[in-house]
């Protein structure tokens, strides 16, 4: 989920306006890449220990964006990522979603 939303930000598909607290909280979580190339995001308890509170606003942003992403955007992201892995760097997300 976090990886999908991260990709949405990296590719410029989303921009969050007016929620500085939520977007700030997105940077609180640490992660590592597991041997199978999946992201493992640290637990909420660990985040609470480091920051003294839960990243609830950041969670809400991720859940909302992921829910939207499960529709056509998620499908387009998957196609875009597959095309990029095949060496088609010039493919645009607009072409994929078209």
PDB file of N, CA and C in Angstrom:
ATOM      1  N   UNK A   1       0.820  -1.185   0.000  1.00  0.00           N
ATOM      2  CA  UNK A   1       0.000   0.000   0.000  1.00  0.00           C
ATOM      3  C   UNK A   1       0.871   1.258   0.000  1.00  0.00           C
ATOM      4  N   UNK A   2       1.835   1.313   0.921  1.00  0.00           N
ATOM      5  CA  UNK A   2       2.708   2.491   1.011  1.00  0.00           C
ATOM      6  C   UNK A   2       3.545   2.643  -0.252  1.00  0.00           C
ATOM      7  N   UNK A   3       3.979   1.530  -0.818  1.00  0.00           N
ATOM      8  CA  UNK A   3       4.767   1.590  -2.048  1.00  0.00           C
ATOM      9  C   UNK A   3       3.962   2.145  -3.218  1.00  0.00           C
ATOM     10  N   UNK A   4       2.700   1.730  -3.323  1.00  0.00           N
ATOM     11  CA  UNK A   4       1.833   2.229  -4.390  1.00  0.00           C
ATOM     12  C   UNK A   4       1.639   3.729  -4.261  1.00  0.00           C
ATOM     13  N   UNK A   5       1.358   4.184  -3.057  1.00  0.00           N
ATOM     14  CA  UNK A   5       1.146   5.614  -2.831  1.00  0.00           C
ATOM     15  C   UNK A   5       2.443   6.390  -3.064  1.00  0.00           C
ATOM     16  N   UNK A   6       3.567   5.828  -2.633  1.00  0.00           N
ATOM     17  CA  UNK A   6       4.850   6.469  -2.895  1.00  0.00           C
ATOM     18  C   UNK A   6       5.096   6.645  -4.381  1.00  0.00           C
ATOM     19  N   UNK A   7       4.750   5.627  -5.166  1.00  0.00           N
ATOM     20  CA  UNK A   7       4.893   5.712  -6.622  1.00  0.00           C
ATOM     21  C   UNK A   7       3.995   6.786  -7.209  1.00  0.00           C
ATOM     22  N   UNK A   8       2.810   6.923  -6.650  1.00  0.00           N
ATOM     23  CA  UNK A   8       1.884   7.956  -7.127  1.00  0.00           C
ATOM     24  C   UNK A   8       2.493   9.349  -6.940  1.00  0.00           C
ATOM     25  N   UNK A   9       3.144   9.573  -5.800  1.00  0.00           N
ATOM     26  CA  UNK A   9       3.803  10.855  -5.555  1.00  0.00           C
ATOM     27  C   UNK A   9       5.003  11.032  -6.479  1.00  0.00           C
ATOM     28  N   UNK A  10       5.836  10.001  -6.589  1.00  0.00           N
ATOM     29  CA  UNK A  10       7.047  10.080  -7.416  1.00  0.00           C
ATOM     30  C   UNK A  10       6.732  10.395  -8.865  1.00  0.00           C
ATOM     31  N   UNK A  11       5.640   9.846  -9.361  1.00  0.00           N
ATOM     32  CA  UNK A  11       5.282  10.030 -10.762  1.00  0.00           C
ATOM     33  C   UNK A  11       4.465  11.297 -10.990  1.00  0.00           C
ATOM     34  N   UNK A  12       4.208  12.050  -9.931  1.00  0.00           N
ATOM     35  CA  UNK A  12       3.459  13.298 -10.072  1.00  0.00           C
ATOM     36  C   UNK A  12       1.975  13.112 -10.313  1.00  0.00           C
ATOM     37  N   UNK A  13       1.445  11.940  -9.952  1.00  0.00           N
ATOM     38  CA  UNK A  13       0.014  11.687 -10.158  1.00  0.00           C
ATOM     39  C   UNK A  13      -0.846  12.343  -9.092  1.00  0.00           C
ATOM     40  N   UNK A  14      -0.258  12.634  -7.947  1.00  0.00           N
ATOM     41  CA  UNK A  14      -1.018  13.256  -6.859  1.00  0.00           C
ATOM     42  C   UNK A  14      -0.217  14.398  -6.253  1.00  0.00           C
ATOM     43  N   UNK A  15      -0.951  15.333  -5.716  1.00  0.00           N
ATOM     44  CA  UNK A  15      -0.364  16.438  -4.981  1.00  0.00           C
ATOM     45  C   UNK A  15      -1.323  16.750  -3.845  1.00  0.00           C
ATOM     46  N   UNK A  16      -0.809  16.840  -2.659  1.00  0.00           N
ATOM     47  CA  UNK A  16      -1.655  17.111  -1.491  1.00  0.00           C
ATOM     48  C   UNK A  16      -1.484  18.575  -1.124  1.00  0.00           C
ATOM     49  N   UNK A  17      -2.581  19.293  -1.134  1.00  0.00           N
ATOM     50  CA  UNK A  17      -2.565  20.716  -0.798  1.00  0.00           C
ATOM     51  C   UNK A  17      -3.268  20.938   0.539  1.00  0.00           C
ATOM     52  N   UNK A  18      -2.683  21.752   1.383  1.00  0.00           N
ATOM     53  CA  UNK A  18      -3.353  22.159   2.604  1.00  0.00           C
ATOM     54  C   UNK A  18      -3.352  21.149   3.736  1.00  0.00           C
ATOM     55  N   UNK A  19      -2.485  20.158   3.697  1.00  0.00           N
ATOM     56  CA  UNK A  19      -2.415  19.194   4.791  1.00  0.00           C
ATOM     57  C   UNK A  19      -0.949  18.980   5.155  1.00  0.00           C
ATOM     58  N   UNK A  20      -0.334  20.017   5.692  1.00  0.00           N
ATOM     59  CA  UNK A  20       1.085  19.929   6.031  1.00  0.00           C
ATOM     60  C   UNK A  20       1.366  18.857   7.076  1.00  0.00           C
ATOM     61  N   UNK A  21       0.473  18.710   8.041  1.00  0.00           N
ATOM     62  CA  UNK A  21       0.667  17.713   9.091  1.00  0.00           C
ATOM     63  C   UNK A  21       0.670  16.306   8.503  1.00  0.00           C
ATOM     64  N   UNK A  22      -0.306  16.012   7.656  1.00  0.00           N
ATOM     65  CA  UNK A  22      -0.396  14.684   7.056  1.00  0.00           C
ATOM     66  C   UNK A  22       0.774  14.366   6.161  1.00  0.00           C
ATOM     67  N   UNK A  23       1.161  15.322   5.309  1.00  0.00           N
ATOM     68  CA  UNK A  23       2.289  15.060   4.416  1.00  0.00           C
ATOM     69  C   UNK A  23       3.594  14.968   5.192  1.00  0.00           C
ATOM     70  N   UNK A  24       3.730  15.741   6.253  1.00  0.00           N
ATOM     71  CA  UNK A  24       4.919  15.630   7.108  1.00  0.00           C
ATOM     72  C   UNK A  24       4.998  14.240   7.729  1.00  0.00           C
ATOM     73  N   UNK A  25       3.872  13.738   8.183  1.00  0.00           N
ATOM     74  CA  UNK A  25       3.851  12.425   8.828  1.00  0.00           C
ATOM     75  C   UNK A  25       4.219  11.296   7.867  1.00  0.00           C
ATOM     76  N   UNK A  26       4.012  11.506   6.577  1.00  0.00           N
ATOM     77  CA  UNK A  26       4.380  10.472   5.604  1.00  0.00           C
ATOM     78  C   UNK A  26       5.877  10.179   5.639  1.00  0.00           C
ATOM     79  N   UNK A  27       6.657  11.171   6.033  1.00  0.00           N
ATOM     80  CA  UNK A  27       8.115  10.986   6.064  1.00  0.00           C
ATOM     81  C   UNK A  27       8.599  10.372   7.375  1.00  0.00           C
ATOM     82  N   UNK A  28       7.721  10.171   8.322  1.00  0.00           N
ATOM     83  CA  UNK A  28       8.116   9.618   9.615  1.00  0.00           C
ATOM     84  C   UNK A  28       8.484   8.146   9.533  1.00  0.00           C
ATOM     85  N   UNK A  29       7.808   7.405   8.680  1.00  0.00           N
ATOM     86  CA  UNK A  29       7.990   5.955   8.655  1.00  0.00           C
ATOM     87  C   UNK A  29       9.299   5.555   7.996  1.00  0.00           C
ATOM     88  N   UNK A  30       9.966   4.622   8.624  1.00  0.00           N
ATOM     89  CA  UNK A  30      11.158   4.025   8.037  1.00  0.00           C
ATOM     90  C   UNK A  30      10.729   2.719   7.382  1.00  0.00           C
ATOM     91  N   UNK A  31      11.502   2.301   6.414  1.00  0.00           N
ATOM     92  CA  UNK A  31      11.191   1.043   5.732  1.00  0.00           C
ATOM     93  C   UNK A  31      12.478   0.370   5.291  1.00  0.00           C
ATOM     94  N   UNK A  32      12.322  -0.887   4.931  1.00  0.00           N
ATOM     95  CA  UNK A  32      13.446  -1.611   4.344  1.00  0.00           C
ATOM     96  C   UNK A  32      12.897  -2.455   3.204  1.00  0.00           C
ATOM     97  N   UNK A  33      13.780  -2.789   2.283  1.00  0.00           N
ATOM     98  CA  UNK A  33      13.408  -3.640   1.163  1.00  0.00           C
ATOM     99  C   UNK A  33      13.783  -5.065   1.530  1.00  0.00           C
ATOM    100  N   UNK A  34      12.781  -5.938   1.523  1.00  0.00           N
ATOM    101  CA  UNK A  34      13.006  -7.333   1.867  1.00  0.00           C
ATOM    102  C   UNK A  34      13.662  -8.063   0.701  1.00  0.00           C
ATOM    103  N   UNK A  35      14.108  -9.269   0.942  1.00  0.00           N
ATOM    104  CA  UNK A  35      14.815 -10.041  -0.090  1.00  0.00           C
ATOM    105  C   UNK A  35      13.950 -10.293  -1.326  1.00  0.00           C
ATOM    106  N   UNK A  36      12.631 -10.305  -1.162  1.00  0.00           N
ATOM    107  CA  UNK A  36      11.736 -10.507  -2.313  1.00  0.00           C
ATOM    108  C   UNK A  36      11.345  -9.182  -2.973  1.00  0.00           C
ATOM    109  N   UNK A  37      12.074  -8.101  -2.628  1.00  0.00           N
ATOM    110  CA  UNK A  37      11.891  -6.758  -3.186  1.00  0.00           C
ATOM    111  C   UNK A  37      10.622  -6.041  -2.711  1.00  0.00           C
ATOM    112  N   UNK A  38       9.919  -6.586  -1.728  1.00  0.00           N
ATOM    113  CA  UNK A  38       8.767  -5.904  -1.150  1.00  0.00           C
ATOM    114  C   UNK A  38       9.244  -4.939  -0.079  1.00  0.00           C
ATOM    115  N   UNK A  39       8.469  -3.859   0.088  1.00  0.00           N
ATOM    116  CA  UNK A  39       8.777  -2.905   1.147  1.00  0.00           C
ATOM    117  C   UNK A  39       8.187  -3.398   2.462  1.00  0.00           C
ATOM    118  N   UNK A  40       8.962  -3.293   3.511  1.00  0.00           N
ATOM    119  CA  UNK A  40       8.454  -3.576   4.844  1.00  0.00           C
ATOM    120  C   UNK A  40       8.519  -2.271   5.618  1.00  0.00           C
ATOM    121  N   UNK A  41       7.345  -1.723   5.926  1.00  0.00           N
ATOM    122  CA  UNK A  41       7.243  -0.456   6.646  1.00  0.00           C
ATOM    123  C   UNK A  41       7.246  -0.756   8.136  1.00  0.00           C
ATOM    124  N   UNK A  42       7.941   0.092   8.889  1.00  0.00           N
ATOM    125  CA  UNK A  42       8.024  -0.130  10.335  1.00  0.00           C
ATOM    126  C   UNK A  42       6.636  -0.067  10.976  1.00  0.00           C
ATOM    127  N   UNK A  43       6.515  -0.676  12.118  1.00  0.00           N
ATOM    128  CA  UNK A  43       5.225  -0.745  12.800  1.00  0.00           C
ATOM    129  C   UNK A  43       4.813   0.612  13.349  1.00  0.00           C
ATOM    130  N   UNK A  44       3.516   0.782  13.516  1.00  0.00           N
ATOM    131  CA  UNK A  44       2.997   2.032  14.065  1.00  0.00           C
ATOM    132  C   UNK A  44       3.498   2.239  15.494  1.00  0.00           C
ATOM    133  N   UNK A  45       3.657   1.157  16.239  1.00  0.00           N
ATOM    134  CA  UNK A  45       4.186   1.270  17.607  1.00  0.00           C
ATOM    135  C   UNK A  45       5.593   1.859  17.618  1.00  0.00           C
ATOM    136  N   UNK A  46       6.431   1.449  16.657  1.00  0.00           N
ATOM    137  CA  UNK A  46       7.784   2.002  16.570  1.00  0.00           C
ATOM    138  C   UNK A  46       7.761   3.487  16.208  1.00  0.00           C
ATOM    139  N   UNK A  47       6.848   3.858  15.318  1.00  0.00           N
ATOM    140  CA  UNK A  47       6.711   5.271  14.941  1.00  0.00           C
ATOM    141  C   UNK A  47       6.278   6.082  16.164  1.00  0.00           C
ATOM    142  N   UNK A  48       5.341   5.554  16.914  1.00  0.00           N
ATOM    143  CA  UNK A  48       4.861   6.249  18.121  1.00  0.00           C
ATOM    144  C   UNK A  48       5.990   6.450  19.127  1.00  0.00           C
ATOM    145  N   UNK A  49       6.844   5.450  19.261  1.00  0.00           N
ATOM    146  CA  UNK A  49       7.968   5.566  20.197  1.00  0.00           C
ATOM    147  C   UNK A  49       8.928   6.677  19.776  1.00  0.00           C
ATOM    148  N   UNK A  50       9.193   6.780  18.472  1.00  0.00           N
ATOM    149  CA  UNK A  50      10.145   7.780  17.991  1.00  0.00           C
ATOM    150  C   UNK A  50       9.575   9.197  17.958  1.00  0.00           C
ATOM    151  N   UNK A  51       8.274   9.321  17.666  1.00  0.00           N
ATOM    152  CA  UNK A  51       7.675  10.652  17.488  1.00  0.00           C
ATOM    153  C   UNK A  51       6.716  11.055  18.607  1.00  0.00           C
ATOM    154  N   UNK A  52       6.448  10.140  19.513  1.00  0.00           N
ATOM    155  CA  UNK A  52       5.582  10.476  20.641  1.00  0.00           C
ATOM    156  C   UNK A  52       4.097  10.466  20.339  1.00  0.00           C
ATOM    157  N   UNK A  53       3.742  10.148  19.105  1.00  0.00           N
ATOM    158  CA  UNK A  53       2.327  10.060  18.731  1.00  0.00           C
ATOM    159  C   UNK A  53       2.178   9.288  17.419  1.00  0.00           C
ATOM    160  N   UNK A  54       0.972   8.930  17.150  1.00  0.00           N
ATOM    161  CA  UNK A  54       0.667   8.145  15.963  1.00  0.00           C
ATOM    162  C   UNK A  54       0.537   9.051  14.733  1.00  0.00           C
ATOM    163  N   UNK A  55       0.966   8.580  13.560  1.00  0.00           N
ATOM    164  CA  UNK A  55       0.835   9.373  12.331  1.00  0.00           C
ATOM    165  C   UNK A  55      -0.552   9.225  11.699  1.00  0.00           C
ATOM    166  N   UNK A  56      -1.595   9.536  12.456  1.00  0.00           N
ATOM    167  CA  UNK A  56      -2.961   9.299  11.999  1.00  0.00           C
ATOM    168  C   UNK A  56      -3.328  10.077  10.735  1.00  0.00           C
ATOM    169  N   UNK A  57      -2.882  11.332  10.633  1.00  0.00           N
ATOM    170  CA  UNK A  57      -3.185  12.116   9.434  1.00  0.00           C
ATOM    171  C   UNK A  57      -2.495  11.518   8.206  1.00  0.00           C
ATOM    172  N   UNK A  58      -1.259  11.083   8.377  1.00  0.00           N
ATOM    173  CA  UNK A  58      -0.537  10.433   7.279  1.00  0.00           C
ATOM    174  C   UNK A  58      -1.208   9.132   6.869  1.00  0.00           C
ATOM    175  N   UNK A  59      -1.656   8.361   7.850  1.00  0.00           N
ATOM    176  CA  UNK A  59      -2.378   7.123   7.554  1.00  0.00           C
ATOM    177  C   UNK A  59      -3.625   7.412   6.713  1.00  0.00           C
ATOM    178  N   UNK A  60      -4.368   8.439   7.108  1.00  0.00           N
ATOM    179  CA  UNK A  60      -5.594   8.786   6.386  1.00  0.00           C
ATOM    180  C   UNK A  60      -5.292   9.137   4.930  1.00  0.00           C
ATOM    181  N   UNK A  61      -4.210   9.883   4.709  1.00  0.00           N
ATOM    182  CA  UNK A  61      -3.814  10.212   3.332  1.00  0.00           C
ATOM    183  C   UNK A  61      -3.493   8.951   2.536  1.00  0.00           C
ATOM    184  N   UNK A  62      -2.717   8.066   3.132  1.00  0.00           N
ATOM    185  CA  UNK A  62      -2.331   6.841   2.428  1.00  0.00           C
ATOM    186  C   UNK A  62      -3.553   5.987   2.123  1.00  0.00           C
ATOM    187  N   UNK A  63      -4.435   5.797   3.101  1.00  0.00           N
ATOM    188  CA  UNK A  63      -5.623   4.967   2.864  1.00  0.00           C
ATOM    189  C   UNK A  63      -6.505   5.552   1.773  1.00  0.00           C
ATOM    190  N   UNK A  64      -6.683   6.876   1.807  1.00  0.00           N
ATOM    191  CA  UNK A  64      -7.521   7.526   0.796  1.00  0.00           C
ATOM    192  C   UNK A  64      -6.921   7.431  -0.593  1.00  0.00           C
ATOM    193  N   UNK A  65      -5.631   7.721  -0.709  1.00  0.00           N
ATOM    194  CA  UNK A  65      -4.975   7.648  -2.009  1.00  0.00           C
ATOM    195  C   UNK A  65      -4.913   6.225  -2.525  1.00  0.00           C
ATOM    196  N   UNK A  66      -4.698   5.272  -1.632  1.00  0.00           N
ATOM    197  CA  UNK A  66      -4.640   3.875  -2.047  1.00  0.00           C
ATOM    198  C   UNK A  66      -6.003   3.416  -2.555  1.00  0.00           C
ATOM    199  N   UNK A  67      -7.073   3.854  -1.888  1.00  0.00           N
ATOM    200  CA  UNK A  67      -8.416   3.479  -2.318  1.00  0.00           C
ATOM    201  C   UNK A  67      -8.690   3.992  -3.730  1.00  0.00           C
ATOM    202  N   UNK A  68      -8.292   5.229  -4.000  1.00  0.00           N
ATOM    203  CA  UNK A  68      -8.432   5.780  -5.345  1.00  0.00           C
ATOM    204  C   UNK A  68      -7.539   4.993  -6.307  1.00  0.00           C
ATOM    205  N   UNK A  69      -6.336   4.682  -5.851  1.00  0.00           N
ATOM    206  CA  UNK A  69      -5.373   3.970  -6.681  1.00  0.00           C
ATOM    207  C   UNK A  69      -5.792   2.560  -7.043  1.00  0.00           C
ATOM    208  N   UNK A  70      -6.698   1.985  -6.276  1.00  0.00           N
ATOM    209  CA  UNK A  70      -7.151   0.630  -6.578  1.00  0.00           C
ATOM    210  C   UNK A  70      -8.014   0.590  -7.829  1.00  0.00           C
ATOM    211  N   UNK A  71      -8.463   1.750  -8.288  1.00  0.00           N
ATOM    212  CA  UNK A  71      -9.242   1.822  -9.523  1.00  0.00           C
ATOM    213  C   UNK A  71      -8.326   1.932 -10.719  1.00  0.00           C
ATOM    214  N   UNK A  72      -8.661   2.813 -11.625  1.00  0.00           N
ATOM    215  CA  UNK A  72      -7.919   2.953 -12.875  1.00  0.00           C
ATOM    216  C   UNK A  72      -6.484   3.402 -12.652  1.00  0.00           C
ATOM    217  N   UNK A  73      -6.247   4.222 -11.644  1.00  0.00           N
ATOM    218  CA  UNK A  73      -4.886   4.694 -11.398  1.00  0.00           C
ATOM    219  C   UNK A  73      -3.981   3.523 -11.052  1.00  0.00           C
ATOM    220  N   UNK A  74      -4.444   2.613 -10.197  1.00  0.00           N
ATOM    221  CA  UNK A  74      -3.649   1.439  -9.821  1.00  0.00           C
ATOM    222  C   UNK A  74      -3.358   0.589 -11.052  1.00  0.00           C
ATOM    223  N   UNK A  75      -4.357   0.392 -11.870  1.00  0.00           N
ATOM    224  CA  UNK A  75      -4.178  -0.390 -13.092  1.00  0.00           C
ATOM    225  C   UNK A  75      -3.139   0.286 -13.998  1.00  0.00           C
ATOM    226  N   UNK A  76      -3.221   1.597 -14.131  1.00  0.00           N
ATOM    227  CA  UNK A  76      -2.269   2.340 -14.946  1.00  0.00           C
ATOM    228  C   UNK A  76      -0.870   2.294 -14.380  1.00  0.00           C
ATOM    229  N   UNK A  77      -0.755   2.388 -13.055  1.00  0.00           N
ATOM    230  CA  UNK A  77       0.559   2.303 -12.421  1.00  0.00           C
ATOM    231  C   UNK A  77       1.207   0.960 -12.705  1.00  0.00           C
ATOM    232  N   UNK A  78       0.442  -0.095 -12.601  1.00  0.00           N
ATOM    233  CA  UNK A  78       0.980  -1.424 -12.862  1.00  0.00           C
ATOM    234  C   UNK A  78       1.486  -1.530 -14.301  1.00  0.00           C
ATOM    235  N   UNK A  79       0.693  -1.039 -15.245  1.00  0.00           N
ATOM    236  CA  UNK A  79       1.097  -1.085 -16.649  1.00  0.00           C
ATOM    237  C   UNK A  79       2.340  -0.229 -16.871  1.00  0.00           C
ATOM    238  N   UNK A  80       2.370   0.939 -16.262  1.00  0.00           N
ATOM    239  CA  UNK A  80       3.502   1.848 -16.407  1.00  0.00           C
ATOM    240  C   UNK A  80       4.777   1.204 -15.868  1.00  0.00           C
ATOM    241  N   UNK A  81       4.670   0.586 -14.712  1.00  0.00           N
ATOM    242  CA  UNK A  81       5.834  -0.043 -14.097  1.00  0.00           C
ATOM    243  C   UNK A  81       6.324  -1.213 -14.966  1.00  0.00           C
ATOM    244  N   UNK A  82       5.407  -1.990 -15.505  1.00  0.00           N
ATOM    245  CA  UNK A  82       5.806  -3.100 -16.376  1.00  0.00           C
ATOM    246  C   UNK A  82       6.497  -2.570 -17.632  1.00  0.00           C
ATOM    247  N   UNK A  83       5.951  -1.502 -18.222  1.00  0.00           N
ATOM    248  CA  UNK A  83       6.548  -0.913 -19.428  1.00  0.00           C
ATOM    249  C   UNK A  83       7.932  -0.369 -19.119  1.00  0.00           C
ATOM    250  N   UNK A  84       8.089   0.269 -17.966  1.00  0.00           N
ATOM    251  CA  UNK A  84       9.390   0.814 -17.578  1.00  0.00           C
ATOM    252  C   UNK A  84      10.413  -0.295 -17.397  1.00  0.00           C
ATOM    253  N   UNK A  85      10.008  -1.404 -16.829  1.00  0.00           N
ATOM    254  CA  UNK A  85      10.920  -2.533 -16.617  1.00  0.00           C
ATOM    255  C   UNK A  85      11.338  -3.170 -17.935  1.00  0.00           C
ATOM    256  N   UNK A  86      10.497  -3.023 -18.962  1.00  0.00           N
ATOM    257  CA  UNK A  86      10.843  -3.567 -20.285  1.00  0.00           C
ATOM    258  C   UNK A  86      11.721  -2.603 -21.072  1.00  0.00           C
ATOM    259  N   UNK A  87      12.096  -1.477 -20.450  1.00  0.00           N
ATOM    260  CA  UNK A  87      12.995  -0.543 -21.113  1.00  0.00           C
ATOM    261  C   UNK A  87      12.305   0.528 -21.922  1.00  0.00           C
ATOM    262  N   UNK A  88      11.004   0.652 -21.768  1.00  0.00           N
ATOM    263  CA  UNK A  88      10.262   1.682 -22.493  1.00  0.00           C
ATOM    264  C   UNK A  88      10.174   2.936 -21.631  1.00  0.00           C
ATOM    265  N   UNK A  89      11.321   3.572 -21.420  1.00  0.00           N
ATOM    266  CA  UNK A  89      11.373   4.735 -20.543  1.00  0.00           C
ATOM    267  C   UNK A  89      10.562   5.909 -21.072  1.00  0.00           C
ATOM    268  N   UNK A  90      10.323   5.965 -22.369  1.00  0.00           N
ATOM    269  CA  UNK A  90       9.600   7.092 -22.939  1.00  0.00           C
ATOM    270  C   UNK A  90       8.096   6.991 -22.810  1.00  0.00           C
ATOM    271  N   UNK A  91       7.579   5.893 -22.282  1.00  0.00           N
ATOM    272  CA  UNK A  91       6.137   5.731 -22.147  1.00  0.00           C
ATOM    273  C   UNK A  91       5.613   6.715 -21.103  1.00  0.00           C
ATOM    274  N   UNK A  92       4.489   7.368 -21.415  1.00  0.00           N
ATOM    275  CA  UNK A  92       3.932   8.310 -20.453  1.00  0.00           C
ATOM    276  C   UNK A  92       2.751   7.669 -19.735  1.00  0.00           C
ATOM    277  N   UNK A  93       2.498   8.141 -18.539  1.00  0.00           N
ATOM    278  CA  UNK A  93       1.372   7.611 -17.762  1.00  0.00           C
ATOM    279  C   UNK A  93       0.056   7.912 -18.470  1.00  0.00           C
ATOM    280  N   UNK A  94      -0.010   9.036 -19.192  1.00  0.00           N
ATOM    281  CA  UNK A  94      -1.230   9.370 -19.943  1.00  0.00           C
ATOM    282  C   UNK A  94      -1.508   8.327 -21.025  1.00  0.00           C
ATOM    283  N   UNK A  95      -0.449   7.852 -21.688  1.00  0.00           N
ATOM    284  CA  UNK A  95      -0.611   6.810 -22.698  1.00  0.00           C
ATOM    285  C   UNK A  95      -1.136   5.522 -22.059  1.00  0.00           C
ATOM    286  N   UNK A  96      -0.603   5.216 -20.902  1.00  0.00           N
ATOM    287  CA  UNK A  96      -0.986   3.977 -20.220  1.00  0.00           C
ATOM    288  C   UNK A  96      -2.431   4.040 -19.762  1.00  0.00           C
ATOM    289  N   UNK A  97      -2.839   5.171 -19.190  1.00  0.00           N
ATOM    290  CA  UNK A  97      -4.196   5.301 -18.674  1.00  0.00           C
ATOM    291  C   UNK A  97      -5.215   5.499 -19.786  1.00  0.00           C
ATOM    292  N   UNK A  98      -4.752   6.037 -20.943  1.00  0.00           N
ATOM    293  CA  UNK A  98      -5.574   6.367 -22.100  1.00  0.00           C
ATOM    294  C   UNK A  98      -6.714   5.508 -22.285  1.00  0.00           C
TER     295      UNK A  98
END
